Amino acid sequence: MATATLKIEDIDFRLLRLNEVLTLIPVSQASFYEGIEKGHYPKPLKVGKKLSVWKLSDIRDLVAKIERENGITVQ
C-alpha cells in the first residue's frame, strides 16, 4: 500500500502579519481592529506575546465576501 507524501508547498496555508493584511484590506489599523471586535474581520492567531498573524485563507474569504456584498471583483 503506497503512502502519500504531504509537502508544505501543497498546502494552501500562509500566515500574514498585519501590514500584509492591510495591503489587501485597505483600512486603517484602528478600523481593522474595530472590525475584528465587531465580528466583521477574522480574529488573529497569537503566535507570541507581541505577534499576531492571520491565515491567508481567512483573508481570501474576507475579500470574496466583500466582493459578493458589493458586486465587485478585486484584481
Protein backbone atom coordinates (compact mmCIF):
# COMPACT_ATOMS: atom_id res chain seq x y z
CA MET A 1 0.00 0.00 0.00
CA ALA A 2 1.52 3.33 -1.09
CA THR A 3 1.61 6.23 1.33
CA ALA A 4 1.01 9.76 0.03
CA THR A 5 3.68 12.27 0.94
CA LEU A 6 2.39 15.64 2.01
CA LYS A 7 4.61 18.61 1.17
CA ILE A 8 4.30 22.02 2.75
CA GLU A 9 4.14 23.68 -0.66
CA ASP A 10 0.99 21.66 -1.42
CA ILE A 11 -0.84 23.23 1.50
CA ASP A 12 -2.73 26.47 0.91
CA PHE A 13 -1.67 27.87 4.26
CA ARG A 14 0.31 31.01 4.84
CA LEU A 15 0.35 33.40 7.76
CA LEU A 16 0.17 37.15 7.19
CA ARG A 17 1.31 39.90 9.51
CA LEU A 18 -0.87 42.96 9.98
CA ASN A 19 0.96 45.11 7.43
CA GLU A 20 0.39 42.43 4.77
CA VAL A 21 -3.29 42.13 5.68
CA LEU A 22 -3.75 45.88 5.40
CA THR A 23 -2.34 45.86 1.86
CA LEU A 24 -5.22 43.54 0.93
CA ILE A 25 -7.88 45.17 3.12
CA PRO A 26 -7.18 48.91 2.71
CA VAL A 27 -8.41 50.28 6.03
CA SER A 28 -6.56 51.84 8.93
CA GLN A 29 -5.12 49.65 11.65
CA ALA A 30 -7.63 51.07 14.13
CA SER A 31 -10.55 50.35 11.78
CA PHE A 32 -9.31 46.81 11.20
CA TYR A 33 -9.13 46.06 14.93
CA GLU A 34 -12.56 47.62 15.42
CA GLY A 35 -13.86 45.35 12.66
CA ILE A 36 -12.39 42.34 14.48
CA GLU A 37 -14.20 43.34 17.68
CA LYS A 38 -17.47 43.70 15.76
CA GLY A 39 -17.01 40.34 14.05
CA HIS A 40 -16.57 41.78 10.54
CA TYR A 41 -12.94 40.69 10.16
CA PRO A 42 -11.23 37.44 11.18
CA LYS A 43 -9.56 37.19 14.56
CA PRO A 44 -5.79 36.85 14.58
CA LEU A 45 -3.79 33.87 15.74
CA LYS A 46 -1.47 34.75 18.60
CA VAL A 47 1.97 33.23 17.98
CA GLY A 48 3.72 35.19 20.70
CA LYS A 49 3.13 37.86 23.30
CA LYS A 50 3.53 40.63 20.74
CA LEU A 51 2.90 38.85 17.44
CA SER A 52 -0.47 38.27 15.83
CA VAL A 53 -0.94 36.72 12.39
CA TRP A 54 -3.87 35.92 10.13
CA LYS A 55 -4.38 32.90 7.90
CA LEU A 56 -4.22 33.86 4.23
CA SER A 57 -7.26 31.66 3.60
CA ASP A 58 -9.29 33.72 6.11
CA ILE A 59 -8.26 36.96 4.38
CA ARG A 60 -9.08 35.49 0.95
CA ASP A 61 -12.52 34.54 2.26
CA LEU A 62 -12.99 38.09 3.59
CA VAL A 63 -12.06 39.62 0.21
CA ALA A 64 -14.50 37.25 -1.55
CA LYS A 65 -17.24 38.23 0.91
CA ILE A 66 -16.59 41.95 0.32
CA GLU A 67 -16.71 41.34 -3.45
CA ARG A 68 -20.04 39.50 -3.21
CA GLU A 69 -21.62 42.11 -0.94
CA ASN A 70 -20.54 44.99 -3.18
CA GLY A 71 -20.86 43.36 -6.60
CA ILE A 72 -17.21 43.98 -7.43
CA THR A 73 -14.15 41.95 -8.32
CA VAL A 74 -10.78 42.79 -6.79
CA GLN A 75 -7.83 42.12 -9.07
